[in-house]
Each structure stands twice: as C-alpha cells, then as structure tokens.
C-alpha atoms as a PDB file:
ATOM      1  CA  MET A   1       0.000   0.000   0.000  1.00  0.00           C
ATOM      2  CA  SER A   2       2.783   2.414   0.891  1.00  0.00           C
ATOM      3  CA  VAL A   3       4.499   1.781  -2.439  1.00  0.00           C
ATOM      4  CA  SER A   4       1.271   2.471  -4.326  1.00  0.00           C
ATOM      5  CA  VAL A   5       0.775   5.739  -2.508  1.00  0.00           C
ATOM      6  CA  MET A   6       4.370   6.751  -3.180  1.00  0.00           C
ATOM      7  CA  LEU A   7       3.988   6.085  -6.907  1.00  0.00           C
ATOM      8  CA  SER A   8       0.794   8.110  -7.017  1.00  0.00           C
ATOM      9  CA  LYS A   9       2.478  11.063  -5.384  1.00  0.00           C
ATOM     10  CA  ASN A  10       5.474  10.852  -7.692  1.00  0.00           C
ATOM     11  CA  THR A  11       3.193  10.629 -10.686  1.00  0.00           C
ATOM     12  CA  SER A  12       1.303  13.696  -9.487  1.00  0.00           C
ATOM     13  CA  VAL A  13       4.507  15.662  -9.020  1.00  0.00           C
ATOM     14  CA  HIS A  14       5.791  14.502 -12.407  1.00  0.00           C
ATOM     15  CA  LEU A  15       2.584  15.656 -14.149  1.00  0.00           C
ATOM     16  CA  THR A  16       2.712  18.993 -12.355  1.00  0.00           C
ATOM     17  CA  VAL A  17       6.265  19.560 -13.566  1.00  0.00           C
ATOM     18  CA  LEU A  18       5.292  18.648 -17.133  1.00  0.00           C
ATOM     19  CA  LEU A  19       2.317  21.008 -17.065  1.00  0.00           C
ATOM     20  CA  PHE A  20       4.492  23.797 -15.693  1.00  0.00           C
ATOM     21  CA  LEU A  21       7.114  23.261 -18.393  1.00  0.00           C
ATOM     22  CA  ALA A  22       4.419  23.281 -21.076  1.00  0.00           C
ATOM     23  CA  ALA A  23       3.034  26.544 -19.717  1.00  0.00           C
ATOM     24  CA  VAL A  24       6.406  28.320 -19.803  1.00  0.00           C
ATOM     25  CA  PRO A  25       6.521  28.757 -23.622  1.00  0.00           C
ATOM     26  CA  MET A  26       2.920  29.985 -23.565  1.00  0.00           C
ATOM     27  CA  LEU A  27       3.810  32.579 -20.923  1.00  0.00           C
ATOM     28  CA  ILE A  28       6.833  33.680 -22.935  1.00  0.00           C
ATOM     29  CA  GLN A  29       4.648  33.910 -26.041  1.00  0.00           C
ATOM     30  CA  ALA A  30       2.085  36.049 -24.209  1.00  0.00           C
ATOM     31  CA  ASP A  31       4.822  38.326 -22.898  1.00  0.00           C
ATOM     32  CA  ARG A  32       6.300  38.797 -26.369  1.00  0.00           C
ATOM     33  CA  LEU A  33       2.870  39.516 -27.783  1.00  0.00           C
ATOM     34  CA  GLU A  34       2.326  42.231 -25.193  1.00  0.00           C
ATOM     35  CA  GLU A  35       5.799  43.613 -25.899  1.00  0.00           C
ATOM     36  CA  GLY A  36       4.946  43.694 -29.593  1.00  0.00           C
ATOM     37  CA  ARG A  37       1.727  45.569 -28.930  1.00  0.00           C
ATOM     38  CA  ALA A  38       3.570  48.023 -26.696  1.00  0.00           C
ATOM     39  CA  ALA A  39       6.188  48.567 -29.410  1.00  0.00           C
ATOM     40  CA  ILE A  40       3.438  49.408 -31.919  1.00  0.00           C
ATOM     41  CA  ASP A  41       1.850  51.842 -29.468  1.00  0.00           C
ATOM     42  CA  ALA A  42       5.249  53.460 -28.926  1.00  0.00           C
ATOM     43  CA  GLY A  43       5.879  53.732 -32.667  1.00  0.00           C
ATOM     44  CA  ASN A  44       8.826  51.337 -32.497  1.00  0.00           C
ATOM     45  CA  PHE A  45       7.709  49.332 -35.487  1.00  0.00           C
ATOM     46  CA  ALA A  46      11.032  47.653 -36.204  1.00  0.00           C
ATOM     47  CA  LYS A  47      10.971  46.191 -32.696  1.00  0.00           C
ATOM     48  CA  ALA A  48       7.324  45.184 -33.156  1.00  0.00           C
ATOM     49  CA  HIS A  49       8.219  43.344 -36.355  1.00  0.00           C
ATOM     50  CA  GLU A  50      11.105  41.588 -34.634  1.00  0.00           C
ATOM     51  CA  LEU A  51       8.863  40.394 -31.790  1.00  0.00           C
ATOM     52  CA  LEU A  52       5.716  39.556 -33.718  1.00  0.00           C
ATOM     53  CA  GLU A  53       6.994  37.834 -36.844  1.00  0.00           C
ATOM     54  CA  PRO A  54       8.249  34.670 -35.041  1.00  0.00           C
ATOM     55  CA  LEU A  55       4.940  34.432 -33.166  1.00  0.00           C
ATOM     56  CA  ALA A  56       2.968  34.834 -36.378  1.00  0.00           C
ATOM     57  CA  GLU A  57       5.035  32.180 -38.141  1.00  0.00           C
ATOM     58  CA  ALA A  58       4.473  29.881 -35.155  1.00  0.00           C
ATOM     59  CA  GLY A  59       0.709  30.236 -35.684  1.00  0.00           C
ATOM     60  CA  ASP A  60      -0.398  32.931 -33.241  1.00  0.00           C
ATOM     61  CA  ALA A  61      -3.559  34.449 -34.782  1.00  0.00           C
ATOM     62  CA  THR A  62      -3.240  37.760 -32.949  1.00  0.00           C
ATOM     63  CA  ALA A  63       0.357  38.194 -34.088  1.00  0.00           C
ATOM     64  CA  GLN A  64      -0.649  37.260 -37.645  1.00  0.00           C
ATOM     65  CA  ASN A  65      -3.254  40.017 -37.680  1.00  0.00           C
ATOM     66  CA  ALA A  66      -0.741  42.492 -36.239  1.00  0.00           C
ATOM     67  CA  MET A  67       1.788  41.567 -38.911  1.00  0.00           C
ATOM     68  CA  GLY A  68      -0.865  42.137 -41.541  1.00  0.00           C
ATOM     69  CA  VAL A  69      -1.460  45.630 -40.175  1.00  0.00           C
ATOM     70  CA  LEU A  70       2.283  46.368 -40.230  1.00  0.00           C
ATOM     71  CA  TYR A  71       2.441  45.353 -43.890  1.00  0.00           C
ATOM     72  CA  VAL A  72      -0.647  47.387 -44.776  1.00  0.00           C
ATOM     73  CA  GLN A  73       0.713  50.524 -43.140  1.00  0.00           C
ATOM     74  CA  GLY A  74       4.347  50.007 -44.071  1.00  0.00           C
ATOM     75  CA  TRP A  75       5.329  50.301 -40.417  1.00  0.00           C
ATOM     76  CA  GLY A  76       8.889  49.098 -39.838  1.00  0.00           C
ATOM     77  CA  ILE A  77       8.840  47.276 -43.184  1.00  0.00           C
ATOM     78  CA  ALA A  78       8.031  48.114 -46.789  1.00  0.00           C
ATOM     79  CA  ALA A  79       4.278  48.243 -47.406  1.00  0.00           C
ATOM     80  CA  ASP A  80       3.139  45.015 -49.032  1.00  0.00           C
ATOM     81  CA  PRO A  81      -0.657  44.616 -49.330  1.00  0.00           C
ATOM     82  CA  GLU A  82      -0.381  41.104 -50.786  1.00  0.00           C
ATOM     83  CA  ARG A  83       1.736  39.947 -47.851  1.00  0.00           C
ATOM     84  CA  ALA A  84      -0.708  41.636 -45.480  1.00  0.00           C
ATOM     85  CA  VAL A  85      -3.578  39.678 -46.983  1.00  0.00           C
ATOM     86  CA  GLU A  86      -1.665  36.429 -46.466  1.00  0.00           C
ATOM     87  CA  TYR A  87      -1.342  37.181 -42.763  1.00  0.00           C
ATOM     88  CA  PHE A  88      -4.980  38.250 -42.470  1.00  0.00           C
ATOM     89  CA  GLN A  89      -6.059  35.026 -44.168  1.00  0.00           C
ATOM     90  CA  ARG A  90      -4.061  32.930 -41.726  1.00  0.00           C
ATOM     91  CA  SER A  91      -5.490  34.853 -38.788  1.00  0.00           C
ATOM     92  CA  ALA A  92      -9.044  34.619 -40.114  1.00  0.00           C
ATOM     93  CA  ALA A  93      -8.658  30.866 -40.660  1.00  0.00           C
ATOM     94  CA  GLN A  94      -8.321  30.606 -36.879  1.00  0.00           C
ATOM     95  CA  GLU A  95     -11.515  32.649 -36.428  1.00  0.00           C
ATOM     96  CA  ASN A  96      -9.681  35.670 -35.089  1.00  0.00           C
ATOM     97  CA  ILE A  97     -12.244  38.478 -35.327  1.00  0.00           C
ATOM     98  CA  LYS A  98      -9.811  41.300 -36.056  1.00  0.00           C
ATOM     99  CA  GLY A  99      -8.028  39.234 -38.677  1.00  0.00           C
ATOM    100  CA  THR A 100     -11.369  38.402 -40.284  1.00  0.00           C
ATOM    101  CA  MET A 101     -12.463  42.032 -40.233  1.00  0.00           C
ATOM    102  CA  ASN A 102      -9.225  43.199 -41.817  1.00  0.00           C
ATOM    103  CA  LEU A 103      -9.374  40.480 -44.466  1.00  0.00           C
ATOM    104  CA  ALA A 104     -12.930  41.583 -45.268  1.00  0.00           C
ATOM    105  CA  ASP A 105     -11.726  45.172 -45.534  1.00  0.00           C
ATOM    106  CA  ALA A 106      -9.000  44.114 -47.963  1.00  0.00           C
ATOM    107  CA  TYR A 107     -11.619  42.451 -50.177  1.00  0.00           C
ATOM    108  CA  ARG A 108     -13.904  45.471 -49.810  1.00  0.00           C
ATOM    109  CA  ARG A 109     -11.206  47.901 -50.934  1.00  0.00           C
ATOM    110  CA  GLY A 110      -9.448  45.601 -53.397  1.00  0.00           C
ATOM    111  CA  MET A 111      -6.271  46.040 -51.358  1.00  0.00           C
ATOM    112  CA  GLY A 112      -3.712  43.317 -52.027  1.00  0.00           C
ATOM    113  CA  VAL A 113      -6.450  41.151 -53.505  1.00  0.00           C
ATOM    114  CA  LYS A 114      -9.086  41.509 -56.191  1.00  0.00           C
ATOM    115  CA  GLN A 115     -12.143  43.371 -54.953  1.00  0.00           C
ATOM    116  CA  ASN A 116     -14.840  40.869 -54.054  1.00  0.00           C
ATOM    117  CA  CYS A 117     -17.872  42.165 -52.171  1.00  0.00           C
ATOM    118  CA  ALA A 118     -19.471  38.723 -52.072  1.00  0.00           C
ATOM    119  CA  LYS A 119     -16.400  37.544 -50.137  1.00  0.00           C
ATOM    120  CA  VAL A 120     -16.826  40.471 -47.737  1.00  0.00           C
ATOM    121  CA  ARG A 121     -20.394  39.392 -47.108  1.00  0.00           C
ATOM    122  CA  GLU A 122     -19.297  35.781 -46.599  1.00  0.00           C
ATOM    123  CA  LEU A 123     -16.645  36.787 -44.054  1.00  0.00           C
ATOM    124  CA  LEU A 124     -18.678  39.306 -42.096  1.00  0.00           C
ATOM    125  CA  SER A 125     -22.141  37.718 -41.978  1.00  0.00           C
ATOM    126  CA  PRO A 126     -21.308  35.136 -39.259  1.00  0.00           C
ATOM    127  CA  ILE A 127     -19.626  37.788 -37.099  1.00  0.00           C
ATOM    128  CA  ALA A 128     -22.504  40.200 -37.617  1.00  0.00           C
ATOM    129  CA  ARG A 129     -25.055  37.536 -36.710  1.00  0.00           C
ATOM    130  CA  ASP A 130     -23.076  36.946 -33.512  1.00  0.00           C
ATOM    131  CA  GLY A 131     -23.622  40.612 -32.643  1.00  0.00           C
ATOM    132  CA  HIS A 132     -20.387  42.313 -33.693  1.00  0.00           C
ATOM    133  CA  ALA A 133     -21.512  45.925 -34.195  1.00  0.00           C
ATOM    134  CA  LYS A 134     -18.739  47.064 -36.527  1.00  0.00           C
ATOM    135  CA  ALA A 135     -19.333  44.071 -38.801  1.00  0.00           C
ATOM    136  CA  GLN A 136     -23.039  44.964 -38.813  1.00  0.00           C
ATOM    137  CA  VAL A 137     -22.247  48.535 -39.872  1.00  0.00           C
ATOM    138  CA  ILE A 138     -19.876  47.420 -42.636  1.00  0.00           C
ATOM    139  CA  LEU A 139     -22.446  44.937 -43.933  1.00  0.00           C
ATOM    140  CA  GLY A 140     -25.078  47.669 -43.816  1.00  0.00           C
ATOM    141  CA  SER A 141     -22.848  49.906 -45.903  1.00  0.00           C
ATOM    142  CA  LEU A 142     -22.222  47.089 -48.358  1.00  0.00           C
ATOM    143  CA  TYR A 143     -25.938  46.461 -48.861  1.00  0.00           C
ATOM    144  CA  ASP A 144     -26.637  50.190 -48.917  1.00  0.00           C
ATOM    145  CA  THR A 145     -24.312  51.043 -51.790  1.00  0.00           C
ATOM    146  CA  GLY A 146     -24.241  47.684 -53.550  1.00  0.00           C
ATOM    147  CA  CYS A 147     -21.273  46.184 -55.409  1.00  0.00           C
ATOM    148  CA  PRO A 148     -20.509  44.716 -58.796  1.00  0.00           C
ATOM    149  CA  ASP A 149     -21.266  41.344 -57.150  1.00  0.00           C
ATOM    150  CA  PHE A 150     -24.811  42.267 -56.086  1.00  0.00           C
ATOM    151  CA  PRO A 151     -27.210  45.226 -56.293  1.00  0.00           C
ATOM    152  CA  PRO A 152     -28.073  47.590 -53.418  1.00  0.00           C
ATOM    153  CA  ASP A 153     -30.588  46.311 -50.885  1.00  0.00           C
ATOM    154  CA  PRO A 154     -31.642  49.272 -48.690  1.00  0.00           C
ATOM    155  CA  ARG A 155     -33.993  47.219 -46.524  1.00  0.00           C
ATOM    156  CA  THR A 156     -31.278  44.770 -45.563  1.00  0.00           C
ATOM    157  CA  ALA A 157     -28.901  47.696 -45.066  1.00  0.00           C
ATOM    158  CA  PHE A 158     -31.355  49.259 -42.633  1.00  0.00           C
ATOM    159  CA  GLN A 159     -31.680  45.985 -40.729  1.00  0.00           C
ATOM    160  CA  TRP A 160     -27.924  45.744 -40.209  1.00  0.00           C
ATOM    161  CA  TYR A 161     -27.561  49.422 -39.310  1.00  0.00           C
ATOM    162  CA  SER A 162     -30.391  49.218 -36.792  1.00  0.00           C
ATOM    163  CA  ALA A 163     -28.930  46.030 -35.284  1.00  0.00           C
ATOM    164  CA  ALA A 164     -25.732  47.965 -34.565  1.00  0.00           C
ATOM    165  CA  ALA A 165     -27.763  50.931 -33.327  1.00  0.00           C
ATOM    166  CA  ALA A 166     -29.579  48.690 -30.844  1.00  0.00           C
ATOM    167  CA  GLN A 167     -26.171  47.995 -29.270  1.00  0.00           C
ATOM    168  CA  GLY A 168     -25.445  51.705 -28.929  1.00  0.00           C
ATOM    169  CA  ASP A 169     -22.860  51.785 -31.700  1.00  0.00           C
ATOM    170  CA  PRO A 170     -22.401  55.453 -32.760  1.00  0.00           C
ATOM    171  CA  TYR A 171     -22.031  54.615 -36.447  1.00  0.00           C
ATOM    172  CA  GLY A 172     -24.998  52.265 -36.376  1.00  0.00           C
ATOM    173  CA  LEU A 173     -27.068  54.983 -34.717  1.00  0.00           C
ATOM    174  CA  GLY A 174     -25.962  57.680 -37.147  1.00  0.00           C
ATOM    175  CA  ASN A 175     -26.502  55.514 -40.200  1.00  0.00           C
ATOM    176  CA  THR A 176     -29.927  54.418 -38.977  1.00  0.00           C
ATOM    177  CA  GLY A 177     -30.784  58.088 -38.486  1.00  0.00           C
ATOM    178  CA  ALA A 178     -29.696  58.819 -42.051  1.00  0.00           C
ATOM    179  CA  MET A 179     -31.905  56.019 -43.379  1.00  0.00           C
ATOM    180  CA  TYR A 180     -34.891  57.399 -41.462  1.00  0.00           C
ATOM    181  CA  ALA A 181     -34.149  60.916 -42.711  1.00  0.00           C
ATOM    182  CA  LEU A 182     -33.913  59.800 -46.335  1.00  0.00           C
ATOM    183  CA  GLY A 183     -36.725  57.252 -46.170  1.00  0.00           C
ATOM    184  CA  ARG A 184     -34.258  54.709 -47.493  1.00  0.00           C
ATOM    185  CA  GLY A 185     -34.939  51.084 -46.630  1.00  0.00           C
ATOM    186  CA  VAL A 186     -37.588  52.237 -44.179  1.00  0.00           C
ATOM    187  CA  GLU A 187     -40.488  54.685 -44.171  1.00  0.00           C
ATOM    188  CA  GLN A 188     -39.269  58.255 -43.699  1.00  0.00           C
ATOM    189  CA  ASN A 189     -39.526  59.286 -40.069  1.00  0.00           C
ATOM    190  CA  LEU A 190     -37.839  62.570 -39.166  1.00  0.00           C
ATOM    191  CA  PRO A 191     -38.440  62.330 -35.384  1.00  0.00           C
ATOM    192  CA  GLU A 192     -36.739  58.909 -35.408  1.00  0.00           C
ATOM    193  CA  ALA A 193     -33.926  60.387 -37.495  1.00  0.00           C
ATOM    194  CA  MET A 194     -33.408  63.135 -34.913  1.00  0.00           C
ATOM    195  CA  LYS A 195     -33.492  60.660 -32.036  1.00  0.00           C
ATOM    196  CA  HIS A 196     -30.842  58.460 -33.611  1.00  0.00           C
ATOM    197  CA  TYR A 197     -28.677  61.391 -34.662  1.00  0.00           C
ATOM    198  CA  ARG A 198     -28.784  62.805 -31.133  1.00  0.00           C
ATOM    199  CA  LYS A 199     -27.716  59.521 -29.537  1.00  0.00           C
ATOM    200  CA  ALA A 200     -24.954  59.050 -32.108  1.00  0.00           C
ATOM    201  CA  ALA A 201     -23.685  62.612 -31.657  1.00  0.00           C
ATOM    202  CA  GLU A 202     -23.590  62.236 -27.893  1.00  0.00           C
ATOM    203  CA  LEU A 203     -21.398  59.161 -28.424  1.00  0.00           C
ATOM    204  CA  GLY A 204     -18.949  61.101 -30.598  1.00  0.00           C
ATOM    205  CA  ASN A 205     -20.286  60.687 -34.142  1.00  0.00           C
ATOM    206  CA  GLY A 206     -19.464  64.061 -35.709  1.00  0.00           C
ATOM    207  CA  LYS A 207     -21.408  63.427 -38.903  1.00  0.00           C
ATOM    208  CA  ALA A 208     -24.541  62.745 -36.866  1.00  0.00           C
ATOM    209  CA  ALA A 209     -24.031  66.020 -34.957  1.00  0.00           C
ATOM    210  CA  TYR A 210     -23.696  67.827 -38.281  1.00  0.00           C
ATOM    211  CA  ASN A 211     -26.849  66.234 -39.672  1.00  0.00           C
ATOM    212  CA  LEU A 212     -28.763  67.087 -36.517  1.00  0.00           C
ATOM    213  CA  GLY A 213     -27.628  70.710 -36.823  1.00  0.00           C
ATOM    214  CA  ARG A 214     -28.772  70.668 -40.427  1.00  0.00           C
ATOM    215  CA  MET A 215     -32.237  69.475 -39.415  1.00  0.00           C
ATOM    216  CA  TYR A 216     -32.533  72.299 -36.876  1.00  0.00           C
ATOM    217  CA  GLU A 217     -31.203  74.907 -39.305  1.00  0.00           C
ATOM    218  CA  PHE A 218     -33.534  74.067 -42.153  1.00  0.00           C
ATOM    219  CA  GLY A 219     -36.519  73.015 -40.084  1.00  0.00           C
ATOM    220  CA  GLU A 220     -36.674  69.428 -41.242  1.00  0.00           C
ATOM    221  CA  GLY A 221     -39.648  67.982 -39.369  1.00  0.00           C
ATOM    222  CA  MET A 222     -39.952  71.014 -37.076  1.00  0.00           C
ATOM    223  CA  PRO A 223     -39.709  74.814 -37.149  1.00  0.00           C
ATOM    224  CA  PRO A 224     -36.127  76.049 -37.689  1.00  0.00           C
ATOM    225  CA  ASP A 225     -34.120  76.688 -34.524  1.00  0.00           C
ATOM    226  CA  LEU A 226     -30.855  78.414 -35.405  1.00  0.00           C
ATOM    227  CA  LYS A 227     -29.583  78.472 -31.837  1.00  0.00           C
ATOM    228  CA  LYS A 228     -29.847  74.690 -31.537  1.00  0.00           C
ATOM    229  CA  ALA A 229     -28.417  74.328 -35.039  1.00  0.00           C
ATOM    230  CA  GLU A 230     -25.392  76.371 -34.012  1.00  0.00           C
ATOM    231  CA  GLY A 231     -24.928  74.256 -30.890  1.00  0.00           C
ATOM    232  CA  TRP A 232     -24.889  71.009 -32.836  1.00  0.00           C
ATOM    233  CA  TYR A 233     -22.641  72.449 -35.530  1.00  0.00           C
ATOM    234  CA  ARG A 234     -20.169  73.450 -32.811  1.00  0.00           C
ATOM    235  CA  LYS A 235     -20.347  69.910 -31.467  1.00  0.00           C
ATOM    236  CA  ALA A 236     -19.676  68.567 -34.955  1.00  0.00           C
ATOM    237  CA  VAL A 237     -16.724  70.936 -35.415  1.00  0.00           C
ATOM    238  CA  SER A 238     -15.230  69.705 -32.147  1.00  0.00           C
ATOM    239  CA  LEU A 239     -15.470  66.202 -33.603  1.00  0.00           C
ATOM    240  CA  GLY A 240     -13.663  67.192 -36.808  1.00  0.00           C
ATOM    241  CA  GLU A 241     -16.494  67.742 -39.292  1.00  0.00           C
ATOM    242  CA  THR A 242     -15.401  70.373 -41.838  1.00  0.00           C
ATOM    243  CA  GLU A 243     -18.895  70.760 -43.326  1.00  0.00           C
ATOM    244  CA  ALA A 244     -20.077  71.936 -39.944  1.00  0.00           C
ATOM    245  CA  GLU A 245     -17.443  74.685 -39.954  1.00  0.00           C
ATOM    246  CA  GLN A 246     -18.923  76.029 -43.188  1.00  0.00           C
ATOM    247  CA  ARG A 247     -22.458  76.007 -41.826  1.00  0.00           C
ATOM    248  CA  LEU A 248     -21.360  77.565 -38.559  1.00  0.00           C
ATOM    249  CA  THR A 249     -19.625  80.376 -40.455  1.00  0.00           C
ATOM    250  CA  ALA A 250     -22.762  80.966 -42.533  1.00  0.00           C
ATOM    251  CA  LEU A 251     -24.909  81.164 -39.399  1.00  0.00           C
ATOM    252  CA  THR A 252     -22.644  83.464 -37.411  1.00  0.00           C
ATOM    253  CA  GLU A 253     -21.898  85.821 -40.317  1.00  0.00           C
ATOM    254  CA  SER A 254     -25.357  86.138 -41.835  1.00  0.00           C
ATOM    255  CA  GLY A 255     -27.596  85.510 -38.852  1.00  0.00           C
ATOM    256  CA  ASN A 256     -29.790  83.288 -41.011  1.00  0.00           C
ATOM    257  CA  ASN A 257     -29.656  79.931 -42.683  1.00  0.00           C
ATOM    258  CA  GLY A 258     -27.591  81.146 -45.629  1.00  0.00           C
ATOM    259  CA  SER A 259     -27.351  78.964 -48.697  1.00  0.00           C
ATOM    260  CA  ILE A 260     -28.997  75.569 -48.944  1.00  0.00           C
ATOM    261  CA  VAL A 261     -26.765  72.601 -48.213  1.00  0.00           C
ATOM    262  CA  ALA A 262     -26.599  69.910 -50.872  1.00  0.00           C
ATOM    263  CA  SER A 263     -28.707  66.928 -49.864  1.00  0.00           C
ATOM    264  CA  ASP A 264     -25.944  64.469 -50.709  1.00  0.00           C
ATOM    265  CA  LEU A 265     -24.064  65.586 -47.605  1.00  0.00           C
ATOM    266  CA  LEU A 266     -26.612  63.676 -45.567  1.00  0.00           C
ATOM    267  CA  ALA A 267     -25.810  60.459 -47.377  1.00  0.00           C
ATOM    268  CA  GLU A 268     -22.203  60.728 -46.226  1.00  0.00           C
ATOM    269  CA  ALA A 269     -23.383  59.738 -42.773  1.00  0.00           C
ATOM    270  CA  MET A 270     -24.016  56.268 -44.145  1.00  0.00           C
ATOM    271  CA  GLU A 271     -20.376  55.588 -44.872  1.00  0.00           C
ATOM    272  CA  ALA A 272     -18.945  52.793 -42.747  1.00  0.00           C
ATOM    273  CA  PRO A 273     -16.103  53.544 -40.358  1.00  0.00           C
ATOM    274  CA  PRO A 274     -12.669  52.490 -41.575  1.00  0.00           C
ATOM    275  CA  LEU A 275     -11.333  49.257 -40.183  1.00  0.00           C
ATOM    276  CA  THR A 276      -8.270  49.625 -37.982  1.00  0.00           C
END
C-alpha cells in the first residue's frame, strides 16, 4: 500500500512539472505579444516586427493580424498589401475576429487582392449575426451602396444598421438616423432620425451632430431653430467635421440659414467607419 501511494504522489509531481514546463513557452509567447503591442503603441515598429513575426510564423492568430497591419501601413517594413492579406487570411482561418475584419476590408477595398464584395459578405455575416456591431455597420454599408457582385438592398442595409444601433454603436445609430431621414430602406420618419442622430452625436459621431444641426437649421420635421443648429454644428466641429465649420460660419456671419446645403451631404453619414 505504501508503495502504491508513493507512486501516485510521484506521478502527481511529475505531471505537475510537465504542465508547468508546457506553460512556460505559452507565458513567454504572451509576454512577447504584449511587448509587440507596446512597441506598436510606442511607434517602435522595427521592434514590433522583430517580436511579432516569429509568433505569427508559429501560428499565433493575434500576431498574424498584427503583422498584416504592419504590412498594410508600411510600419517598420516596406508596405506590401499582398503579404498583409496572407497574414490576415491565416489569422481569419483561426476565427480571429480582427483578422477576419481586416481580411474583409482588404476584399472590400481591393487592397492586395481583387475586390470581391461577395467575399466580404461571406466573411462578415457570421460575425454580424453573432452581434459584432462594426461588422453589422460594414455589412449595412455594403448592402446600402451595392457592389458589382450584387445590387443595393436598402432594406437589408437598414436591418444591419439598426442592429448595430440597438447595441449603442455610434455609427450604427448615425446611419440608422440617415436612413430614417432619407426614407431609405424604411419609411421616412424625421423624429426617429433626430433621435438616432442625437444619440450618435452624444457618443462622438461628428457626422450625426452635423446632420442634426442641419435638421434644426432648415426646419426638417420642425420649425427652424438656429440656436440649436449652431450648438450642434459646434459639437460637430469639435469632432472634426469640416462641413459643420462652413455652416457655422454661414450662421454666425449672416444671422440666417444662408445657402442651402446639398442633400448628398446627408448620405455621407451612411459611410462605414474604416477598419483599424
């Protein structure tokens, strides 16, 4: 009995040692990954490349996506879109969300690979159905504008935009507001447009703040209110919207609504955010 107990204890210790030794490379890998991320944040891209490339070649999906970004941007290495796509493909094959998103963006832009909007839809649909808001917005934009692979489908675009909006995504909210304002993919509803624009603007969507100011300036769905229009234009300016600067100048210099703004400026709110 004593021998049996002794063997059991030795076996337990032996397994513990093996598990510890197996965990050491994983800990080192995690540390190097964090160092690589820190190097990117610090702008030390050569160091990031040095740290991340071995991890990517060893199969780390996060490092593969990071390497793809380095090749897209030309950070620490010569820009090489085709090589970037290779890394994104390897990352996406392991169901890494960022790698999948960046691969979809490459297909959407025709960057390092032939443009293929059907492939974008194939890559993003599962992620969007799982509730990924940015994927929902990109899909909405794809259906909104259409592609050579398939025609526009405003109703489906509205469904994806509103799905992102329901999660409080600022782009989903702003794009849903634009669809309501234009009556595109859904019955026109200016109060709903204002509600969505307001929420999006409060979350930092400058285009939504601009569009809300426009509605107040020109009395879209309500009497004009130049004071509120000015307030929202100022908000939009603080968020980097140059169109709002023009409208703000017109308001402050003339004291009235000045010239009419082209309606196509509203449609710009439906552009999807760039993938990073």
